[in-house]
Amino acid sequence: MNLKGKNFLKLLDFTPEEIADLLALSAELKAKKKAKIAHDTLHGKNIALIFEKASTRTRCAFEVAAFDLGMHTTYLDPSGSQIGKKESISDTAQVLGRMYDGIEYRGFGQSLVEELAKYAGVPVWNGLTTEFHPTQILADLLTIQEKFGKLKGIKMAYCGDARFNMGNSLMVGCAKMGLDFVACAPKKYFPQQELTETCKALAKQSGGSVTQTEDILEGVKDADVIYTDVWVSMGEPMEIWEERIKDLAPYQVNAKVMAAAKPDAIFMHCLPSFHDLNTSIGKEMGARFGRDSMEVSPDVFDSKQSVVFDEAENRMHTIKAVMLATLGE
């Protein structure tokens, strides 16, 4: 694997072999972390973390991973940066590229992180855009590999709104790595047709498959992995909740859905999750719509089949692998 100097913007940019190598490096770094073996080989390097959208897992994963590798970080939230306001993205990229060895961006359109990468002159890593979330998918693939010992031939059913970053990126990751991907959603929530066709062609090469269905019980039948995400993404207005709940309530992952999958199926979610009323938004939505949970029921989220916190931890290990591979020792 020779990814030194390369950007990490979407999994479409990487071969299955490169993705497999990143997963192998992630597993190696995870083992070293668990064994308390130092791997701070990037001393003297500095990275900038641009967060136009707030995050718990992505920020913590990048900061701890950078610290473990011996690097220093600068966190820039919307109030701490002039990107896109007083300074263009291209100018910001060239300034930061002179000061930092790598740049992470979490925000809005994919075109923004692509432009940042075009002008920075140093590796740029996508921490999430509207269209793609590649670091999350690496963590998901590592988690699946840990649980089943393989990726090829695994069936993943994604339930809910499959039009944006998670549906898109999981479809790409599965197509690249030989998994069978099924989007279970109302037709208007299917992934974009052009990307779907691209993924079908990739799946044909890898031995996987890409299908879409409005019948959730048919879609999850004999699945190894049931995956879901929040019904309303960050930055979308609260008014959208009513429409999404009406459309997506039949696609909630609950005991009935899990029972249709394989007995040893696992439940996955990129978090945060509305599986109870223990958050301010959860309480508000519960009171407004008379629900105790949204995309996943609490009995599934808290079950032994749930691996959501394994996924969350693996964000750190896979992000560490991406930074080490692209910055070099």
Protein backbone atom coordinates (compact mmCIF):
# COMPACT_ATOMS: atom_id res chain seq x y z
CA MET A 1 0.00 0.00 0.00
CA ASN A 2 1.42 3.36 -1.04
CA LEU A 3 -1.04 6.09 -0.13
CA LYS A 4 1.44 8.71 1.07
CA GLY A 5 0.27 12.18 0.08
CA LYS A 6 -3.14 10.93 -1.07
CA ASN A 7 -6.44 12.52 -0.05
CA PHE A 8 -9.18 10.48 1.62
CA LEU A 9 -12.39 11.99 0.24
CA LYS A 10 -14.60 9.01 -0.72
CA LEU A 11 -14.17 5.26 -1.03
CA LEU A 12 -14.85 5.44 -4.76
CA ASP A 13 -11.29 6.79 -5.07
CA PHE A 14 -9.73 3.59 -3.65
CA THR A 15 -9.31 0.05 -4.93
CA PRO A 16 -10.62 -2.92 -2.94
CA GLU A 17 -6.98 -3.86 -2.28
CA GLU A 18 -6.22 -0.42 -0.84
CA ILE A 19 -9.32 -0.57 1.37
CA ALA A 20 -8.33 -4.05 2.56
CA ASP A 21 -4.83 -2.77 3.36
CA LEU A 22 -6.29 0.14 5.36
CA LEU A 23 -8.42 -2.32 7.31
CA ALA A 24 -5.39 -4.51 7.98
CA LEU A 25 -3.42 -1.48 9.18
CA SER A 26 -6.38 -0.48 11.37
CA ALA A 27 -6.41 -3.93 13.00
CA GLU A 28 -2.65 -3.74 13.56
CA LEU A 29 -2.88 -0.30 15.18
CA LYS A 30 -5.84 -1.42 17.29
CA ALA A 31 -3.84 -4.38 18.58
CA LYS A 32 -0.93 -2.09 19.46
CA LYS A 33 -3.29 0.30 21.28
CA LYS A 34 -4.78 -2.57 23.30
CA ALA A 35 -1.32 -3.92 24.13
CA LYS A 36 -0.11 -0.42 25.07
CA ILE A 37 2.61 -0.57 22.42
CA ALA A 38 3.70 2.93 21.44
CA HIS A 39 3.21 3.86 17.77
CA ASP A 40 3.90 7.60 17.86
CA THR A 41 5.82 7.65 14.59
CA LEU A 42 4.57 11.02 13.31
CA HIS A 43 6.28 13.31 15.83
CA GLY A 44 6.60 16.89 14.63
CA LYS A 45 3.55 16.78 12.37
CA ASN A 46 0.52 19.03 12.84
CA ILE A 47 -3.02 18.65 11.54
CA ALA A 48 -5.99 21.02 11.29
CA LEU A 49 -9.49 19.78 12.09
CA ILE A 50 -12.20 21.86 10.40
CA PHE A 51 -15.67 21.19 11.81
CA GLU A 52 -18.48 23.13 10.17
CA LYS A 53 -20.78 20.47 11.66
CA ALA A 54 -20.40 19.43 15.29
CA SER A 55 -19.42 15.88 16.20
CA THR A 56 -18.53 13.70 19.16
CA ARG A 57 -17.07 10.55 17.59
CA THR A 58 -15.31 12.12 14.60
CA ARG A 59 -13.61 14.85 16.61
CA CYS A 60 -12.55 12.56 19.44
CA ALA A 61 -11.38 9.88 17.02
CA PHE A 62 -9.18 12.31 15.07
CA GLU A 63 -7.76 13.96 18.20
CA VAL A 64 -6.94 10.73 20.07
CA ALA A 65 -5.60 9.07 16.93
CA ALA A 66 -3.38 12.08 16.21
CA PHE A 67 -2.11 12.12 19.81
CA ASP A 68 -1.32 8.39 19.67
CA LEU A 69 0.67 8.99 16.48
CA GLY A 70 2.61 11.83 18.13
CA MET A 71 0.94 14.70 16.29
CA HIS A 72 -0.55 18.01 17.41
CA THR A 73 -4.04 19.18 16.41
CA THR A 74 -5.81 22.51 15.94
CA TYR A 75 -9.61 22.38 16.15
CA LEU A 76 -11.51 24.94 14.06
CA ASP A 77 -15.28 25.24 14.50
CA PRO A 78 -17.46 27.72 12.58
CA SER A 79 -16.66 30.49 15.07
CA GLY A 80 -12.92 29.85 14.84
CA SER A 81 -12.52 29.92 11.07
CA GLN A 82 -13.24 32.33 8.22
CA ILE A 83 -13.63 29.51 5.68
CA GLY A 84 -16.31 30.37 3.14
CA LYS A 85 -17.12 33.67 4.88
CA LYS A 86 -14.30 36.23 4.78
CA GLU A 87 -11.94 33.84 3.00
CA SER A 88 -12.57 31.52 0.08
CA ILE A 89 -12.06 27.79 0.41
CA SER A 90 -9.15 27.86 -2.03
CA ASP A 91 -7.39 30.63 -0.08
CA THR A 92 -8.03 28.86 3.23
CA ALA A 93 -6.68 25.61 1.78
CA GLN A 94 -3.46 27.27 0.63
CA VAL A 95 -2.95 29.00 3.99
CA LEU A 96 -3.56 25.87 6.05
CA GLY A 97 -1.50 23.78 3.64
CA ARG A 98 1.52 25.98 4.41
CA MET A 99 1.11 25.45 8.17
CA TYR A 100 -0.19 21.90 8.54
CA ASP A 101 0.75 18.44 7.34
CA GLY A 102 -2.86 17.30 6.94
CA ILE A 103 -6.40 18.73 7.08
CA GLU A 104 -9.67 17.11 8.16
CA TYR A 105 -12.96 18.62 6.98
CA ARG A 106 -16.45 17.87 8.31
CA GLY A 107 -19.26 19.92 6.87
CA PHE A 108 -21.63 20.27 3.97
CA GLY A 109 -21.30 19.55 0.23
CA GLN A 110 -18.73 17.12 -1.14
CA SER A 111 -17.61 19.85 -3.54
CA LEU A 112 -16.24 21.80 -0.55
CA VAL A 113 -13.88 19.07 0.64
CA GLU A 114 -12.91 18.36 -2.98
CA GLU A 115 -11.97 22.03 -3.46
CA LEU A 116 -10.07 22.04 -0.18
CA ALA A 117 -8.07 19.03 -1.37
CA LYS A 118 -7.42 20.62 -4.77
CA TYR A 119 -5.58 23.60 -3.29
CA ALA A 120 -4.17 22.42 0.05
CA GLY A 121 -1.07 20.61 -1.18
CA VAL A 122 -1.28 18.23 1.81
CA PRO A 123 -3.58 15.24 2.47
CA VAL A 124 -7.21 16.17 3.15
CA TRP A 125 -9.53 13.75 4.96
CA ASN A 126 -13.32 13.77 4.70
CA GLY A 127 -14.84 13.64 8.20
CA LEU A 128 -18.37 13.82 6.71
CA THR A 129 -20.13 15.65 3.91
CA THR A 130 -23.73 15.58 2.77
CA GLU A 131 -22.87 12.96 0.16
CA PHE A 132 -20.20 10.74 1.76
CA HIS A 133 -18.84 9.56 5.13
CA PRO A 134 -15.84 7.36 4.25
CA THR A 135 -14.15 7.19 7.68
CA GLN A 136 -17.37 5.80 9.17
CA ILE A 137 -17.55 3.08 6.52
CA LEU A 138 -14.00 1.95 7.23
CA ALA A 139 -14.97 1.58 10.90
CA ASP A 140 -18.11 -0.34 9.88
CA LEU A 141 -16.16 -2.70 7.63
CA LEU A 142 -13.59 -3.32 10.35
CA THR A 143 -16.40 -4.11 12.81
CA ILE A 144 -18.07 -6.55 10.40
CA GLN A 145 -14.73 -8.21 9.68
CA GLU A 146 -14.11 -8.62 13.42
CA LYS A 147 -17.54 -10.16 14.02
CA PHE A 148 -17.70 -12.52 11.03
CA GLY A 149 -14.07 -13.02 10.05
CA LYS A 150 -14.77 -11.90 6.50
CA LEU A 151 -16.45 -9.29 4.30
CA LYS A 152 -17.20 -11.09 1.04
CA GLY A 153 -20.62 -12.70 1.00
CA ILE A 154 -21.94 -10.78 4.01
CA LYS A 155 -25.45 -9.39 3.49
CA MET A 156 -26.14 -5.89 4.81
CA ALA A 157 -29.63 -4.40 4.90
CA TYR A 158 -29.76 -0.64 5.38
CA CYS A 159 -33.16 0.54 6.66
CA GLY A 160 -34.42 4.12 6.39
CA ASP A 161 -33.32 7.17 4.43
CA ALA A 162 -30.68 5.84 2.02
CA ARG A 163 -30.26 9.01 -0.08
CA PHE A 164 -27.41 10.72 1.73
CA ASN A 165 -23.94 10.11 3.18
CA MET A 166 -24.56 6.86 5.08
CA GLY A 167 -26.71 5.12 2.47
CA ASN A 168 -24.37 6.26 -0.29
CA SER A 169 -21.16 5.33 1.48
CA LEU A 170 -22.34 1.95 2.76
CA MET A 171 -23.48 1.06 -0.75
CA VAL A 172 -20.06 2.03 -2.14
CA GLY A 173 -18.16 0.19 0.60
CA CYS A 174 -20.21 -2.99 0.16
CA ALA A 175 -19.91 -2.86 -3.63
CA LYS A 176 -16.14 -2.43 -3.43
CA MET A 177 -15.59 -5.21 -0.90
CA GLY A 178 -17.96 -7.92 -2.14
CA LEU A 179 -20.86 -7.57 0.29
CA ASP A 180 -24.51 -7.84 -0.69
CA PHE A 181 -26.12 -4.45 -0.02
CA VAL A 182 -29.89 -3.96 0.23
CA ALA A 183 -31.50 -0.53 0.69
CA CYS A 184 -34.85 -0.94 2.48
CA ALA A 185 -36.77 2.31 2.08
CA PRO A 186 -39.67 4.06 0.35
CA LYS A 187 -38.76 4.55 -3.29
CA LYS A 188 -38.19 8.29 -2.93
CA TYR A 189 -35.55 7.54 -0.28
CA PHE A 190 -33.47 5.23 -2.50
CA PRO A 191 -29.88 6.28 -3.31
CA GLN A 192 -29.36 8.41 -6.41
CA GLN A 193 -29.68 6.37 -9.60
CA GLU A 194 -26.31 7.25 -11.14
CA LEU A 195 -24.40 6.23 -8.00
CA THR A 196 -26.51 3.07 -7.75
CA GLU A 197 -25.54 2.04 -11.27
CA THR A 198 -21.88 2.73 -10.54
CA CYS A 199 -22.09 0.55 -7.43
CA LYS A 200 -23.86 -2.25 -9.27
CA ALA A 201 -20.98 -2.34 -11.74
CA LEU A 202 -18.43 -2.38 -8.89
CA ALA A 203 -20.35 -5.14 -7.12
CA LYS A 204 -20.30 -7.25 -10.26
CA GLN A 205 -16.49 -7.09 -10.20
CA SER A 206 -16.20 -7.86 -6.48
CA GLY A 207 -18.80 -10.63 -6.27
CA GLY A 208 -21.25 -8.55 -4.26
CA SER A 209 -24.63 -7.12 -5.19
CA VAL A 210 -26.74 -3.97 -4.84
CA THR A 211 -30.52 -4.12 -4.56
CA GLN A 212 -33.32 -1.84 -3.38
CA THR A 213 -36.73 -2.70 -1.99
CA GLU A 214 -39.71 -1.03 -0.34
CA ASP A 215 -40.48 -4.28 1.53
CA ILE A 216 -38.40 -4.15 4.70
CA LEU A 217 -39.07 -7.72 5.83
CA GLU A 218 -38.11 -9.05 2.42
CA GLY A 219 -35.03 -6.85 2.36
CA VAL A 220 -33.70 -7.93 5.75
CA LYS A 221 -34.45 -11.63 5.19
CA ASP A 222 -31.34 -13.69 6.07
CA ALA A 223 -29.25 -10.53 6.52
CA ASP A 224 -26.01 -10.71 8.52
CA VAL A 225 -26.05 -6.98 9.27
CA ILE A 226 -28.98 -4.65 9.89
CA TYR A 227 -27.96 -0.98 9.69
CA THR A 228 -29.88 2.24 10.24
CA ASP A 229 -29.26 5.94 10.85
CA VAL A 230 -31.20 8.94 12.14
CA TRP A 231 -34.17 9.98 10.02
CA VAL A 232 -33.23 13.67 10.02
CA SER A 233 -29.63 14.73 9.38
CA MET A 234 -27.73 17.56 11.02
CA GLY A 235 -28.65 20.98 9.70
CA GLU A 236 -32.10 20.02 8.44
CA PRO A 237 -35.07 22.00 9.86
CA MET A 238 -37.27 20.50 12.58
CA GLU A 239 -40.32 20.73 10.30
CA ILE A 240 -38.94 17.80 8.31
CA TRP A 241 -39.48 15.45 11.27
CA GLU A 242 -43.20 15.08 10.61
CA GLU A 243 -42.74 14.04 6.98
CA ARG A 244 -39.83 11.71 7.78
CA ILE A 245 -41.62 9.98 10.65
CA LYS A 246 -44.69 9.39 8.51
CA ASP A 247 -42.61 7.97 5.65
CA LEU A 248 -40.01 6.04 7.62
CA ALA A 249 -41.87 4.72 10.68
CA PRO A 250 -42.54 1.40 8.85
CA TYR A 251 -38.75 1.05 8.43
CA GLN A 252 -37.84 1.24 12.12
CA VAL A 253 -35.43 -1.51 13.17
CA ASN A 254 -37.25 -3.40 15.90
CA ALA A 255 -37.53 -6.97 17.21
CA LYS A 256 -39.71 -8.04 14.27
CA VAL A 257 -37.14 -6.78 11.77
CA MET A 258 -34.24 -8.43 13.60
CA ALA A 259 -36.15 -11.71 13.76
CA ALA A 260 -36.31 -11.78 9.95
CA ALA A 261 -32.51 -11.63 9.71
CA LYS A 262 -30.11 -14.46 10.50
CA PRO A 263 -30.03 -15.60 14.14
CA ASP A 264 -26.47 -14.28 14.54
CA ALA A 265 -27.16 -10.99 12.75
CA ILE A 266 -25.69 -7.82 14.24
CA PHE A 267 -27.25 -4.38 14.54
CA MET A 268 -25.22 -1.33 13.48
CA HIS A 269 -25.74 2.44 13.74
CA CYS A 270 -23.24 5.25 13.17
CA LEU A 271 -24.68 7.28 16.11
CA PRO A 272 -26.08 9.44 17.59
CA SER A 273 -29.33 7.49 17.82
CA PHE A 274 -32.87 8.35 18.88
CA HIS A 275 -33.61 5.05 20.64
CA ASP A 276 -35.05 6.58 23.82
CA LEU A 277 -36.17 9.88 25.34
CA ASN A 278 -32.94 10.61 27.21
CA THR A 279 -31.96 13.61 25.06
CA SER A 280 -33.57 17.03 24.70
CA ILE A 281 -34.46 16.39 21.05
CA GLY A 282 -35.69 12.90 21.90
CA LYS A 283 -38.00 14.29 24.58
CA GLU A 284 -39.30 17.01 22.27
CA MET A 285 -39.96 14.60 19.40
CA GLY A 286 -41.47 12.05 21.78
CA ALA A 287 -43.92 14.60 23.13
CA ARG A 288 -44.77 15.94 19.68
CA PHE A 289 -45.27 12.62 17.92
CA GLY A 290 -46.09 10.24 20.77
CA ARG A 291 -43.12 7.96 20.16
CA ASP A 292 -40.61 6.49 22.61
CA SER A 293 -38.02 5.91 19.87
CA MET A 294 -37.36 6.69 16.22
CA GLU A 295 -35.15 4.71 13.80
CA VAL A 296 -34.42 1.85 16.24
CA SER A 297 -36.34 0.47 19.20
CA PRO A 298 -34.57 0.43 22.58
CA ASP A 299 -34.72 -3.36 22.90
CA VAL A 300 -32.68 -3.72 19.70
CA PHE A 301 -30.26 -0.89 20.46
CA ASP A 302 -29.48 -2.34 23.89
CA SER A 303 -29.45 -5.99 22.81
CA LYS A 304 -26.50 -8.37 22.59
CA GLN A 305 -26.78 -8.15 18.81
CA SER A 306 -25.97 -4.44 18.91
CA VAL A 307 -22.35 -3.56 18.09
CA VAL A 308 -22.80 0.21 17.94
CA PHE A 309 -20.12 0.94 20.54
CA ASP A 310 -17.63 -1.37 18.84
CA GLU A 311 -18.24 0.70 15.70
CA ALA A 312 -17.73 3.94 17.63
CA GLU A 313 -14.38 2.78 19.00
CA ASN A 314 -13.28 1.57 15.59
CA ARG A 315 -13.65 5.11 14.24
CA MET A 316 -10.44 5.94 16.11
CA HIS A 317 -8.47 2.93 14.85
CA THR A 318 -9.47 3.35 11.20
CA ILE A 319 -8.95 7.12 11.20
CA LYS A 320 -5.52 6.52 12.69
CA ALA A 321 -4.75 4.12 9.84
CA VAL A 322 -5.88 6.66 7.22
CA MET A 323 -3.67 9.40 8.71
CA LEU A 324 -0.64 7.12 9.07
CA ALA A 325 -1.01 5.75 5.54
CA THR A 326 -1.41 9.15 3.90
CA LEU A 327 1.16 11.05 5.93
CA GLY A 328 3.78 8.29 6.02
CA GLU A 329 6.25 7.46 8.79
